[in-house]
Protein backbone atom coordinates (compact mmCIF):
# COMPACT_ATOMS: atom_id res chain seq x y z
CA MET A 1 123.66 106.96 116.44
CA PRO A 2 119.90 106.92 117.18
CA TRP A 3 118.20 103.60 117.64
CA ILE A 4 114.50 102.87 117.25
CA LYS A 5 112.94 99.56 118.28
CA VAL A 6 111.32 97.96 115.23
CA PHE A 7 108.75 95.28 115.97
CA SER A 8 109.23 92.12 113.94
CA ILE A 9 106.39 90.33 112.19
CA GLU A 10 106.48 87.71 114.93
CA GLU A 11 106.06 90.39 117.63
CA ALA A 12 103.22 92.19 115.86
CA THR A 13 99.71 91.94 117.27
CA GLY A 14 96.42 93.73 116.77
CA PHE A 15 96.42 96.76 114.48
CA LEU A 16 100.17 96.51 113.82
CA LYS A 17 99.74 92.90 112.66
CA GLU A 18 96.95 94.05 110.32
CA GLN A 19 99.22 96.73 108.86
CA TYR A 20 102.12 94.31 108.46
CA ASP A 21 99.82 91.79 106.75
CA ALA A 22 98.61 94.55 104.38
CA ALA A 23 102.23 95.54 103.65
CA ILE A 24 103.18 91.96 102.83
CA LYS A 25 100.14 91.62 100.56
CA ARG A 26 101.05 94.91 98.85
CA ALA A 27 104.83 94.49 98.51
CA GLY A 28 105.67 90.89 99.42
CA ARG A 29 107.70 91.96 102.46
CA ILE A 30 108.11 94.59 105.17
CA TRP A 31 110.37 97.32 103.82
CA ASN A 32 112.52 99.25 106.32
CA ILE A 33 110.56 102.46 105.74
CA VAL A 34 107.41 100.62 106.90
CA GLY A 35 109.03 98.76 109.79
CA ILE A 36 110.48 101.93 111.27
CA MET A 37 106.90 103.08 111.88
CA SER A 38 106.01 99.94 113.87
CA GLN A 39 105.99 101.89 117.14
CA ASN A 40 102.96 103.78 115.82
CA PRO A 41 100.85 101.64 113.46
CA ARG A 42 98.24 104.39 112.98
CA THR A 43 100.99 106.61 111.56
CA MET A 44 102.09 103.68 109.40
CA LYS A 45 98.58 103.29 107.98
CA ALA A 46 98.22 107.04 107.34
CA SER A 47 101.61 107.12 105.61
CA MET A 48 100.78 104.13 103.40
CA ASP A 49 97.37 105.63 102.55
CA MET A 50 99.03 108.91 101.57
CA TYR A 51 101.63 107.04 99.49
CA GLY A 52 98.82 105.21 97.69
CA VAL A 53 97.07 108.46 96.78
CA ILE A 54 100.29 110.16 95.67
CA MET A 55 101.53 107.26 93.55
CA PHE A 56 98.27 105.75 92.27
CA GLY A 57 95.64 108.52 92.50
CA GLN A 58 94.62 110.88 89.74
CA SER A 59 97.42 113.21 88.74
CA PRO A 60 98.63 115.21 85.75
CA LEU A 61 101.88 113.23 86.19
CA SER A 62 102.21 109.73 84.79
CA ARG A 63 103.04 106.81 87.08
CA GLY A 64 106.54 106.76 85.59
CA GLN A 65 107.06 110.46 86.26
CA ARG A 66 105.99 110.00 89.89
CA GLU A 67 108.39 107.08 90.31
CA MET A 68 111.17 109.13 88.71
CA LEU A 69 110.54 112.02 91.13
CA ALA A 70 110.60 109.64 94.09
CA THR A 71 113.84 108.03 92.88
CA VAL A 72 115.62 111.32 92.26
CA THR A 73 114.49 112.71 95.62
CA SER A 74 115.71 109.58 97.42
CA SER A 75 119.03 109.77 95.60
CA ILE A 76 119.55 113.43 96.49
CA ASN A 77 118.72 112.60 100.13
CA HIS A 78 121.09 109.60 100.07
CA CYS A 79 118.23 107.22 100.93
CA LEU A 80 118.90 103.60 100.09
CA TYR A 81 115.54 101.87 99.64
């Protein structure tokens, strides 16, 4: 099974610490999907920015419809978030 080093909040410094702090402010914790990107905090920021636009930006889909699509997709992919 693959293994990826995930930096803890205590280990985070610099830009990673900024991203972790933003994640905690946004969600109250560091979710696994965010932590797995700790090796590359610039990718983490880009991913979170894209998520924000997809879920909260202008769209013909309602917020509920977007959440439903994300939930169904995760279920089909057997993702446990």
